[in-house]
Amino acid sequence: MGSNQRGEGGSPLSIRGFPNERVEVFFYYNSPEDGIPGPEQNDHLQGFSMVFCYDCRLSCVEESFRIPPEAITSVVSADFVEFQCDNDPADGDGCEMLLAMLVETMPPFRGDTLPPTTQPLMVGSVQFEVDSRVRCGDELPIEFCDGVNVRGRVPLQNIYSAANQSLSAQTVDSQVFINAATLFQRGDCNSDNRVNISDPISVVMATILVEEFDFVPACEDACDGNDDGVLDIGDAVYLLQWLFRGGLIPPAPGPFIFGRDPTEDALDCAMPCE
């Protein structure tokens, strides 16, 4: 389980999200080729059940479950797919989730299976809504758990089926890491919560007059008035044009509301975590 991005070695990277936003979680399996000849091919999966318990500050959006086009299950289609979420923290067993798949349940039976793999292969994904009350830096666990019933009555297990037998699965837990959603006003270079004549002056102090004034802005992104990813005198000119000569308004999040920078750049922002 992880994001749809891969790190070194092909393992999925950590899932990262922001308060009050959705995050997509991807499901994977790994079954290395065992090289054992014979009819019992325990590295070829006929199916599996994945059962999770997750932090109830995450709300599973059941209808968002999908099989992405890059998933192995979009190539080797499963006859049976069941996905369930239980977001009720007061039902006695917390918040749980089930993903169950069987490749073949209907004739003609050709012996299709999910193939062996040394790299995690994706089988599906679902979105979670992150509670607005989480704090930056929180880690919201999504853990494999046995014995919960999700929305049914039967206790469920993390197992896989191979060679017509049920086998215990080795599992790797995950979590949603809440990023620091640094909020700022574009143009508020001196961090006084408003954009006015003092801000282009602050840009000049932070660029061409930095040695004279030793001014270090708390949020370089806020000083980047034209959002070109570079802090220079052009930002002061841009802000002056907007303030006094009818120039273009500073780009998102703009000068009037606090928001995140939609543009990735090398500028730093040490504003308090929101």
C-alpha atoms as a PDB file:
ATOM      1  CA  MET A   1       0.000   0.000   0.000  1.00  0.00           C
ATOM      2  CA  GLY A   2       1.286   3.474  -0.822  1.00  0.00           C
ATOM      3  CA  SER A   3       1.157   6.261  -3.364  1.00  0.00           C
ATOM      4  CA  ASN A   4       1.304   5.796  -7.128  1.00  0.00           C
ATOM      5  CA  GLN A   5       4.864   7.105  -7.174  1.00  0.00           C
ATOM      6  CA  ARG A   6       7.834   4.771  -6.846  1.00  0.00           C
ATOM      7  CA  GLY A   7      11.110   5.190  -5.035  1.00  0.00           C
ATOM      8  CA  GLU A   8      14.425   3.460  -5.539  1.00  0.00           C
ATOM      9  CA  GLY A   9      13.930  -0.261  -5.903  1.00  0.00           C
ATOM     10  CA  GLY A  10      10.386   0.203  -7.189  1.00  0.00           C
ATOM     11  CA  SER A  11       8.654   0.394  -3.813  1.00  0.00           C
ATOM     12  CA  PRO A  12       5.671   2.774  -3.545  1.00  0.00           C
ATOM     13  CA  LEU A  13       6.451   6.068  -1.845  1.00  0.00           C
ATOM     14  CA  SER A  14       4.660   7.288   1.261  1.00  0.00           C
ATOM     15  CA  ILE A  15       1.171   8.711   0.979  1.00  0.00           C
ATOM     16  CA  ARG A  16       1.069  12.446   1.647  1.00  0.00           C
ATOM     17  CA  GLY A  17      -1.937  14.682   2.054  1.00  0.00           C
ATOM     18  CA  PHE A  18      -3.277  17.933   3.428  1.00  0.00           C
ATOM     19  CA  PRO A  19      -6.024  18.729   5.941  1.00  0.00           C
ATOM     20  CA  ASN A  20      -9.529  18.903   4.480  1.00  0.00           C
ATOM     21  CA  GLU A  21      -8.469  17.430   1.136  1.00  0.00           C
ATOM     22  CA  ARG A  22      -8.683  14.063  -0.599  1.00  0.00           C
ATOM     23  CA  VAL A  23      -5.777  11.681  -0.981  1.00  0.00           C
ATOM     24  CA  GLU A  24      -5.626   8.552  -3.139  1.00  0.00           C
ATOM     25  CA  VAL A  25      -4.226   5.327  -1.685  1.00  0.00           C
ATOM     26  CA  PHE A  26      -3.018   2.522  -3.964  1.00  0.00           C
ATOM     27  CA  PHE A  27      -3.036  -1.206  -3.186  1.00  0.00           C
ATOM     28  CA  TYR A  28      -0.207  -3.529  -4.238  1.00  0.00           C
ATOM     29  CA  TYR A  29       0.896  -7.133  -3.948  1.00  0.00           C
ATOM     30  CA  ASN A  30       4.313  -8.722  -4.197  1.00  0.00           C
ATOM     31  CA  SER A  31       4.906 -12.431  -4.879  1.00  0.00           C
ATOM     32  CA  PRO A  32       8.471 -13.317  -5.913  1.00  0.00           C
ATOM     33  CA  GLU A  33       8.986 -16.258  -8.256  1.00  0.00           C
ATOM     34  CA  ASP A  34       9.908 -19.271  -6.107  1.00  0.00           C
ATOM     35  CA  GLY A  35      11.329 -21.346  -8.961  1.00  0.00           C
ATOM     36  CA  ILE A  36       9.728 -24.521  -7.639  1.00  0.00           C
ATOM     37  CA  PRO A  37       8.419 -26.794 -10.437  1.00  0.00           C
ATOM     38  CA  GLY A  38       5.221 -28.766 -10.181  1.00  0.00           C
ATOM     39  CA  PRO A  39       1.483 -28.180  -9.999  1.00  0.00           C
ATOM     40  CA  GLU A  40       1.558 -26.272  -6.691  1.00  0.00           C
ATOM     41  CA  GLN A  41       2.523 -22.794  -7.818  1.00  0.00           C
ATOM     42  CA  ASN A  42       2.289 -20.835  -4.577  1.00  0.00           C
ATOM     43  CA  ASP A  43       3.746 -17.748  -6.240  1.00  0.00           C
ATOM     44  CA  HIS A  44       0.788 -17.494  -8.678  1.00  0.00           C
ATOM     45  CA  LEU A  45      -2.105 -15.797  -6.881  1.00  0.00           C
ATOM     46  CA  GLN A  46      -5.632 -16.982  -7.558  1.00  0.00           C
ATOM     47  CA  GLY A  47      -6.997 -14.276  -5.303  1.00  0.00           C
ATOM     48  CA  PHE A  48      -6.594 -12.468  -2.004  1.00  0.00           C
ATOM     49  CA  SER A  49      -8.349 -10.564   0.747  1.00  0.00           C
ATOM     50  CA  MET A  50      -6.799  -7.420   2.182  1.00  0.00           C
ATOM     51  CA  VAL A  51      -8.305  -6.137   5.424  1.00  0.00           C
ATOM     52  CA  PHE A  52      -7.315  -2.790   6.920  1.00  0.00           C
ATOM     53  CA  CYS A  53      -7.949  -0.736  10.026  1.00  0.00           C
ATOM     54  CA  TYR A  54      -7.363   2.972   9.540  1.00  0.00           C
ATOM     55  CA  ASP A  55      -7.310   6.161  11.570  1.00  0.00           C
ATOM     56  CA  CYS A  56     -10.860   7.496  11.756  1.00  0.00           C
ATOM     57  CA  ARG A  57      -9.600  10.973  10.916  1.00  0.00           C
ATOM     58  CA  LEU A  58      -9.539   9.489   7.432  1.00  0.00           C
ATOM     59  CA  SER A  59     -12.899   8.936   5.763  1.00  0.00           C
ATOM     60  CA  CYS A  60     -12.879   6.279   3.050  1.00  0.00           C
ATOM     61  CA  VAL A  61     -14.840   7.280  -0.079  1.00  0.00           C
ATOM     62  CA  GLU A  62     -16.123   3.863  -1.113  1.00  0.00           C
ATOM     63  CA  GLU A  63     -17.504   4.930  -4.474  1.00  0.00           C
ATOM     64  CA  SER A  64     -14.077   6.247  -5.474  1.00  0.00           C
ATOM     65  CA  PHE A  65     -12.573   2.734  -5.599  1.00  0.00           C
ATOM     66  CA  ARG A  66     -11.172   2.034  -9.042  1.00  0.00           C
ATOM     67  CA  ILE A  67      -8.795  -0.175 -10.966  1.00  0.00           C
ATOM     68  CA  PRO A  68      -6.304   2.222 -12.577  1.00  0.00           C
ATOM     69  CA  PRO A  69      -5.197   1.506 -16.157  1.00  0.00           C
ATOM     70  CA  GLU A  70      -1.646   0.820 -14.952  1.00  0.00           C
ATOM     71  CA  ALA A  71      -2.863  -1.852 -12.501  1.00  0.00           C
ATOM     72  CA  ILE A  72      -2.145  -5.515 -13.241  1.00  0.00           C
ATOM     73  CA  THR A  73      -5.842  -6.153 -12.614  1.00  0.00           C
ATOM     74  CA  SER A  74      -6.683  -4.091 -15.687  1.00  0.00           C
ATOM     75  CA  VAL A  75      -4.788  -6.732 -17.695  1.00  0.00           C
ATOM     76  CA  VAL A  76      -5.621  -9.858 -15.689  1.00  0.00           C
ATOM     77  CA  SER A  77      -9.232  -9.064 -14.891  1.00  0.00           C
ATOM     78  CA  ALA A  78     -10.807 -10.568 -11.794  1.00  0.00           C
ATOM     79  CA  ASP A  79     -14.233 -12.206 -11.954  1.00  0.00           C
ATOM     80  CA  PHE A  80     -14.945 -11.203  -8.361  1.00  0.00           C
ATOM     81  CA  VAL A  81     -14.037  -7.830  -6.835  1.00  0.00           C
ATOM     82  CA  GLU A  82     -15.429  -6.637  -3.521  1.00  0.00           C
ATOM     83  CA  PHE A  83     -14.516  -3.369  -1.849  1.00  0.00           C
ATOM     84  CA  GLN A  84     -16.047  -2.084   1.369  1.00  0.00           C
ATOM     85  CA  CYS A  85     -15.447   0.761   3.801  1.00  0.00           C
ATOM     86  CA  ASP A  86     -16.732   1.263   7.321  1.00  0.00           C
ATOM     87  CA  ASN A  87     -16.185   4.830   8.541  1.00  0.00           C
ATOM     88  CA  ASP A  88     -18.156   4.410  11.785  1.00  0.00           C
ATOM     89  CA  PRO A  89     -15.784   4.770  14.769  1.00  0.00           C
ATOM     90  CA  ALA A  90     -18.547   3.927  17.244  1.00  0.00           C
ATOM     91  CA  ASP A  91     -19.495   0.447  16.011  1.00  0.00           C
ATOM     92  CA  GLY A  92     -17.042  -1.331  18.271  1.00  0.00           C
ATOM     93  CA  ASP A  93     -14.234  -2.090  15.846  1.00  0.00           C
ATOM     94  CA  GLY A  94     -13.148   1.298  14.542  1.00  0.00           C
ATOM     95  CA  CYS A  95     -12.788   2.193  10.880  1.00  0.00           C
ATOM     96  CA  GLU A  96     -12.055  -0.676   8.496  1.00  0.00           C
ATOM     97  CA  MET A  97     -11.711  -1.453   4.825  1.00  0.00           C
ATOM     98  CA  LEU A  98     -11.805  -4.616   2.698  1.00  0.00           C
ATOM     99  CA  LEU A  99     -10.460  -5.388  -0.751  1.00  0.00           C
ATOM    100  CA  ALA A 100     -11.110  -8.944  -1.963  1.00  0.00           C
ATOM    101  CA  MET A 101     -10.421 -10.324  -5.435  1.00  0.00           C
ATOM    102  CA  LEU A 102     -10.697 -13.718  -7.115  1.00  0.00           C
ATOM    103  CA  VAL A 103      -9.373 -14.019 -10.640  1.00  0.00           C
ATOM    104  CA  GLU A 104     -11.607 -16.928 -11.678  1.00  0.00           C
ATOM    105  CA  THR A 105     -15.042 -17.682 -10.266  1.00  0.00           C
ATOM    106  CA  MET A 106     -16.952 -18.487 -13.464  1.00  0.00           C
ATOM    107  CA  PRO A 107     -16.350 -20.856 -16.377  1.00  0.00           C
ATOM    108  CA  PRO A 108     -14.468 -21.300 -18.569  1.00  0.00           C
ATOM    109  CA  PHE A 109     -11.744 -21.959 -16.022  1.00  0.00           C
ATOM    110  CA  ARG A 110      -8.392 -21.428 -17.725  1.00  0.00           C
ATOM    111  CA  GLY A 111      -6.208 -21.311 -14.646  1.00  0.00           C
ATOM    112  CA  ASP A 112      -5.632 -17.552 -14.863  1.00  0.00           C
ATOM    113  CA  THR A 113      -3.717 -16.055 -11.939  1.00  0.00           C
ATOM    114  CA  LEU A 114      -1.983 -12.886 -10.872  1.00  0.00           C
ATOM    115  CA  PRO A 115       1.635 -13.398 -11.908  1.00  0.00           C
ATOM    116  CA  PRO A 116       4.697 -13.696  -9.687  1.00  0.00           C
ATOM    117  CA  THR A 117       6.553 -10.418  -9.247  1.00  0.00           C
ATOM    118  CA  THR A 118       9.538  -8.992  -7.417  1.00  0.00           C
ATOM    119  CA  GLN A 119       8.191  -5.468  -7.905  1.00  0.00           C
ATOM    120  CA  PRO A 120       4.951  -4.441  -6.176  1.00  0.00           C
ATOM    121  CA  LEU A 121       2.106  -4.616  -8.695  1.00  0.00           C
ATOM    122  CA  MET A 122      -0.882  -2.316  -8.324  1.00  0.00           C
ATOM    123  CA  VAL A 123      -4.332  -3.884  -8.006  1.00  0.00           C
ATOM    124  CA  GLY A 124      -6.590  -0.921  -7.166  1.00  0.00           C
ATOM    125  CA  SER A 125      -6.974   2.421  -5.430  1.00  0.00           C
ATOM    126  CA  VAL A 126      -9.384   4.409  -3.291  1.00  0.00           C
ATOM    127  CA  GLN A 127      -9.644   7.977  -2.068  1.00  0.00           C
ATOM    128  CA  PHE A 128      -9.799   9.175   1.529  1.00  0.00           C
ATOM    129  CA  GLU A 129     -11.016  12.513   2.808  1.00  0.00           C
ATOM    130  CA  VAL A 130      -8.636  13.937   5.409  1.00  0.00           C
ATOM    131  CA  ASP A 131     -10.255  15.536   8.452  1.00  0.00           C
ATOM    132  CA  SER A 132      -9.796  19.296   8.658  1.00  0.00           C
ATOM    133  CA  ARG A 133      -8.739  19.010  12.307  1.00  0.00           C
ATOM    134  CA  VAL A 134      -5.565  17.013  11.714  1.00  0.00           C
ATOM    135  CA  ARG A 135      -2.299  18.753  12.435  1.00  0.00           C
ATOM    136  CA  CYS A 136       0.685  19.181  10.200  1.00  0.00           C
ATOM    137  CA  GLY A 137       3.101  16.347  10.700  1.00  0.00           C
ATOM    138  CA  ASP A 138       0.430  13.898  11.881  1.00  0.00           C
ATOM    139  CA  GLU A 139       0.725  10.333  10.649  1.00  0.00           C
ATOM    140  CA  LEU A 140      -2.636   8.641  10.127  1.00  0.00           C
ATOM    141  CA  PRO A 141      -2.066   4.871  10.104  1.00  0.00           C
ATOM    142  CA  ILE A 142      -3.609   2.442   7.623  1.00  0.00           C
ATOM    143  CA  GLU A 143      -2.748  -0.997   8.968  1.00  0.00           C
ATOM    144  CA  PHE A 144      -3.526  -4.558   7.973  1.00  0.00           C
ATOM    145  CA  CYS A 145      -5.685  -6.150  10.645  1.00  0.00           C
ATOM    146  CA  ASP A 146      -7.299  -9.564  11.070  1.00  0.00           C
ATOM    147  CA  GLY A 147     -10.603 -10.428  12.690  1.00  0.00           C
ATOM    148  CA  VAL A 148     -12.698  -7.372  11.791  1.00  0.00           C
ATOM    149  CA  ASN A 149     -15.923  -7.689   9.805  1.00  0.00           C
ATOM    150  CA  VAL A 150     -16.021  -4.295   8.032  1.00  0.00           C
ATOM    151  CA  ARG A 151     -19.751  -4.135   7.070  1.00  0.00           C
ATOM    152  CA  GLY A 152     -20.470  -7.850   7.245  1.00  0.00           C
ATOM    153  CA  ARG A 153     -20.750 -10.437  10.005  1.00  0.00           C
ATOM    154  CA  VAL A 154     -17.830 -12.736   9.228  1.00  0.00           C
ATOM    155  CA  PRO A 155     -14.392 -11.970  10.727  1.00  0.00           C
ATOM    156  CA  LEU A 156     -12.007 -11.395   7.834  1.00  0.00           C
ATOM    157  CA  GLN A 157      -8.345 -12.310   7.427  1.00  0.00           C
ATOM    158  CA  ASN A 158      -5.400 -11.147   5.355  1.00  0.00           C
ATOM    159  CA  ILE A 159      -4.819 -14.183   3.179  1.00  0.00           C
ATOM    160  CA  TYR A 160      -4.127 -15.117  -0.405  1.00  0.00           C
ATOM    161  CA  SER A 161      -5.142 -18.123  -2.450  1.00  0.00           C
ATOM    162  CA  ALA A 162      -2.620 -20.128  -4.461  1.00  0.00           C
ATOM    163  CA  ALA A 163      -2.660 -23.728  -5.673  1.00  0.00           C
ATOM    164  CA  ASN A 164      -6.229 -24.025  -4.356  1.00  0.00           C
ATOM    165  CA  GLN A 165      -5.256 -23.335  -0.761  1.00  0.00           C
ATOM    166  CA  SER A 166      -5.390 -20.356   1.583  1.00  0.00           C
ATOM    167  CA  LEU A 167      -2.071 -18.982   2.775  1.00  0.00           C
ATOM    168  CA  SER A 168      -1.207 -16.296   5.313  1.00  0.00           C
ATOM    169  CA  ALA A 169       0.055 -13.074   3.792  1.00  0.00           C
ATOM    170  CA  GLN A 170       3.007 -11.030   4.936  1.00  0.00           C
ATOM    171  CA  THR A 171       1.877  -7.430   5.201  1.00  0.00           C
ATOM    172  CA  VAL A 172       3.459  -3.985   5.316  1.00  0.00           C
ATOM    173  CA  ASP A 173       1.473  -1.236   7.023  1.00  0.00           C
ATOM    174  CA  SER A 174       1.310   2.322   5.764  1.00  0.00           C
ATOM    175  CA  GLN A 175       0.079   5.744   6.804  1.00  0.00           C
ATOM    176  CA  VAL A 176      -1.024   9.068   5.399  1.00  0.00           C
ATOM    177  CA  PHE A 177       1.534  11.700   6.334  1.00  0.00           C
ATOM    178  CA  ILE A 178       0.001  15.147   6.707  1.00  0.00           C
ATOM    179  CA  ASN A 179       2.159  17.727   4.978  1.00  0.00           C
ATOM    180  CA  ALA A 180       2.668  21.166   6.403  1.00  0.00           C
ATOM    181  CA  ALA A 181       0.137  23.242   4.518  1.00  0.00           C
ATOM    182  CA  THR A 182       1.996  26.543   4.718  1.00  0.00           C
ATOM    183  CA  LEU A 183      -0.419  29.350   3.953  1.00  0.00           C
ATOM    184  CA  PHE A 184       0.537  32.846   2.853  1.00  0.00           C
ATOM    185  CA  GLN A 185      -0.653  35.900   0.945  1.00  0.00           C
ATOM    186  CA  ARG A 186       1.161  36.541  -2.323  1.00  0.00           C
ATOM    187  CA  GLY A 187       2.977  39.880  -1.981  1.00  0.00           C
ATOM    188  CA  ASP A 188       2.980  40.040   1.833  1.00  0.00           C
ATOM    189  CA  CYS A 189       6.769  40.077   2.025  1.00  0.00           C
ATOM    190  CA  ASN A 190       6.974  41.498   5.558  1.00  0.00           C
ATOM    191  CA  SER A 191       4.364  39.044   6.941  1.00  0.00           C
ATOM    192  CA  ASP A 192       2.061  41.647   8.461  1.00  0.00           C
ATOM    193  CA  ASN A 193      -1.060  40.026   6.922  1.00  0.00           C
ATOM    194  CA  ARG A 194      -1.667  42.749   4.342  1.00  0.00           C
ATOM    195  CA  VAL A 195      -0.147  43.798   1.038  1.00  0.00           C
ATOM    196  CA  ASN A 196       0.758  47.483   0.662  1.00  0.00           C
ATOM    197  CA  ILE A 197       3.647  49.829  -0.157  1.00  0.00           C
ATOM    198  CA  SER A 198       5.792  48.335   2.606  1.00  0.00           C
ATOM    199  CA  ASP A 199       5.981  44.992   0.809  1.00  0.00           C
ATOM    200  CA  PRO A 200       7.823  46.020  -2.379  1.00  0.00           C
ATOM    201  CA  ILE A 201      10.182  47.911  -0.059  1.00  0.00           C
ATOM    202  CA  SER A 202      10.689  44.652   1.847  1.00  0.00           C
ATOM    203  CA  VAL A 203      11.456  42.878  -1.436  1.00  0.00           C
ATOM    204  CA  VAL A 204      14.169  45.456  -2.178  1.00  0.00           C
ATOM    205  CA  MET A 205      15.580  44.994   1.340  1.00  0.00           C
ATOM    206  CA  ALA A 206      15.633  41.216   0.856  1.00  0.00           C
ATOM    207  CA  THR A 207      17.380  41.381  -2.540  1.00  0.00           C
ATOM    208  CA  ILE A 208      19.564  44.322  -3.559  1.00  0.00           C
ATOM    209  CA  LEU A 209      19.850  45.885  -0.067  1.00  0.00           C
ATOM    210  CA  VAL A 210      20.185  42.669   1.937  1.00  0.00           C
ATOM    211  CA  GLU A 211      23.633  43.560   3.326  1.00  0.00           C
ATOM    212  CA  GLU A 212      22.522  46.986   4.515  1.00  0.00           C
ATOM    213  CA  PHE A 213      19.337  45.875   6.231  1.00  0.00           C
ATOM    214  CA  ASP A 214      19.969  42.186   7.008  1.00  0.00           C
ATOM    215  CA  PHE A 215      16.298  41.484   6.292  1.00  0.00           C
ATOM    216  CA  VAL A 216      15.397  37.832   5.858  1.00  0.00           C
ATOM    217  CA  PRO A 217      11.724  37.301   4.929  1.00  0.00           C
ATOM    218  CA  ALA A 218       9.854  34.623   6.831  1.00  0.00           C
ATOM    219  CA  CYS A 219       8.265  33.424   3.590  1.00  0.00           C
ATOM    220  CA  GLU A 220      10.157  33.835   0.336  1.00  0.00           C
ATOM    221  CA  ASP A 221       7.109  32.589  -1.573  1.00  0.00           C
ATOM    222  CA  ALA A 222       5.130  35.564  -0.276  1.00  0.00           C
ATOM    223  CA  CYS A 223       7.822  37.914  -1.609  1.00  0.00           C
ATOM    224  CA  ASP A 224       7.717  36.221  -5.024  1.00  0.00           C
ATOM    225  CA  GLY A 225       5.129  38.668  -6.300  1.00  0.00           C
ATOM    226  CA  ASN A 226       5.144  37.473  -9.909  1.00  0.00           C
ATOM    227  CA  ASP A 227       5.444  33.761  -8.977  1.00  0.00           C
ATOM    228  CA  ASP A 228       8.375  33.059 -11.280  1.00  0.00           C
ATOM    229  CA  GLY A 229      10.164  31.047  -8.605  1.00  0.00           C
ATOM    230  CA  VAL A 230      12.933  33.644  -8.214  1.00  0.00           C
ATOM    231  CA  LEU A 231      13.169  36.350  -5.571  1.00  0.00           C
ATOM    232  CA  ASP A 232      14.511  39.510  -7.258  1.00  0.00           C
ATOM    233  CA  ILE A 233      13.781  43.167  -7.991  1.00  0.00           C
ATOM    234  CA  GLY A 234      11.223  42.087 -10.583  1.00  0.00           C
ATOM    235  CA  ASP A 235       8.902  41.118  -7.736  1.00  0.00           C
ATOM    236  CA  ALA A 236       9.031  44.631  -6.282  1.00  0.00           C
ATOM    237  CA  VAL A 237       8.264  46.107  -9.715  1.00  0.00           C
ATOM    238  CA  TYR A 238       5.367  43.679 -10.197  1.00  0.00           C
ATOM    239  CA  LEU A 239       3.832  44.593  -6.833  1.00  0.00           C
ATOM    240  CA  LEU A 240       4.227  48.331  -7.477  1.00  0.00           C
ATOM    241  CA  GLN A 241       2.577  47.984 -10.889  1.00  0.00           C
ATOM    242  CA  TRP A 242      -0.378  46.184  -9.327  1.00  0.00           C
ATOM    243  CA  LEU A 243      -0.711  48.534  -6.345  1.00  0.00           C
ATOM    244  CA  PHE A 244      -0.493  51.841  -8.206  1.00  0.00           C
ATOM    245  CA  ARG A 245      -0.653  51.402 -11.986  1.00  0.00           C
ATOM    246  CA  GLY A 246      -3.423  48.904 -12.631  1.00  0.00           C
ATOM    247  CA  GLY A 247      -1.079  45.989 -13.251  1.00  0.00           C
ATOM    248  CA  LEU A 248      -1.922  42.315 -13.001  1.00  0.00           C
ATOM    249  CA  ILE A 249      -2.956  40.969  -9.624  1.00  0.00           C
ATOM    250  CA  PRO A 250      -0.343  38.734  -7.955  1.00  0.00           C
ATOM    251  CA  PRO A 251      -0.917  35.049  -8.848  1.00  0.00           C
ATOM    252  CA  ALA A 252      -2.550  32.491  -6.564  1.00  0.00           C
ATOM    253  CA  PRO A 253      -3.093  32.413  -3.706  1.00  0.00           C
ATOM    254  CA  GLY A 254      -3.269  36.161  -4.370  1.00  0.00           C
ATOM    255  CA  PRO A 255      -2.893  39.149  -2.051  1.00  0.00           C
ATOM    256  CA  PHE A 256      -6.269  38.961  -0.310  1.00  0.00           C
ATOM    257  CA  ILE A 257      -6.566  35.431   1.098  1.00  0.00           C
ATOM    258  CA  PHE A 258      -4.202  32.921   2.663  1.00  0.00           C
ATOM    259  CA  GLY A 259      -3.488  29.834   0.607  1.00  0.00           C
ATOM    260  CA  ARG A 260      -0.864  27.364  -0.564  1.00  0.00           C
ATOM    261  CA  ASP A 261       1.587  27.974  -3.365  1.00  0.00           C
ATOM    262  CA  PRO A 262       0.292  26.033  -6.408  1.00  0.00           C
ATOM    263  CA  THR A 263       3.712  26.358  -8.070  1.00  0.00           C
ATOM    264  CA  GLU A 264       6.627  24.134  -7.110  1.00  0.00           C
ATOM    265  CA  ASP A 265       9.873  26.066  -6.763  1.00  0.00           C
ATOM    266  CA  ALA A 266      12.997  26.293  -4.623  1.00  0.00           C
ATOM    267  CA  LEU A 267      11.769  29.182  -2.484  1.00  0.00           C
ATOM    268  CA  ASP A 268      11.353  28.542   1.218  1.00  0.00           C
ATOM    269  CA  CYS A 269       8.496  29.497   3.481  1.00  0.00           C
ATOM    270  CA  ALA A 270       8.945  29.268   7.234  1.00  0.00           C
ATOM    271  CA  MET A 271       5.498  30.529   8.128  1.00  0.00           C
ATOM    272  CA  PRO A 272       3.741  28.656  10.947  1.00  0.00           C
ATOM    273  CA  CYS A 273       2.229  25.335   9.963  1.00  0.00           C
ATOM    274  CA  GLU A 274      -1.496  25.604   9.326  1.00  0.00           C
END
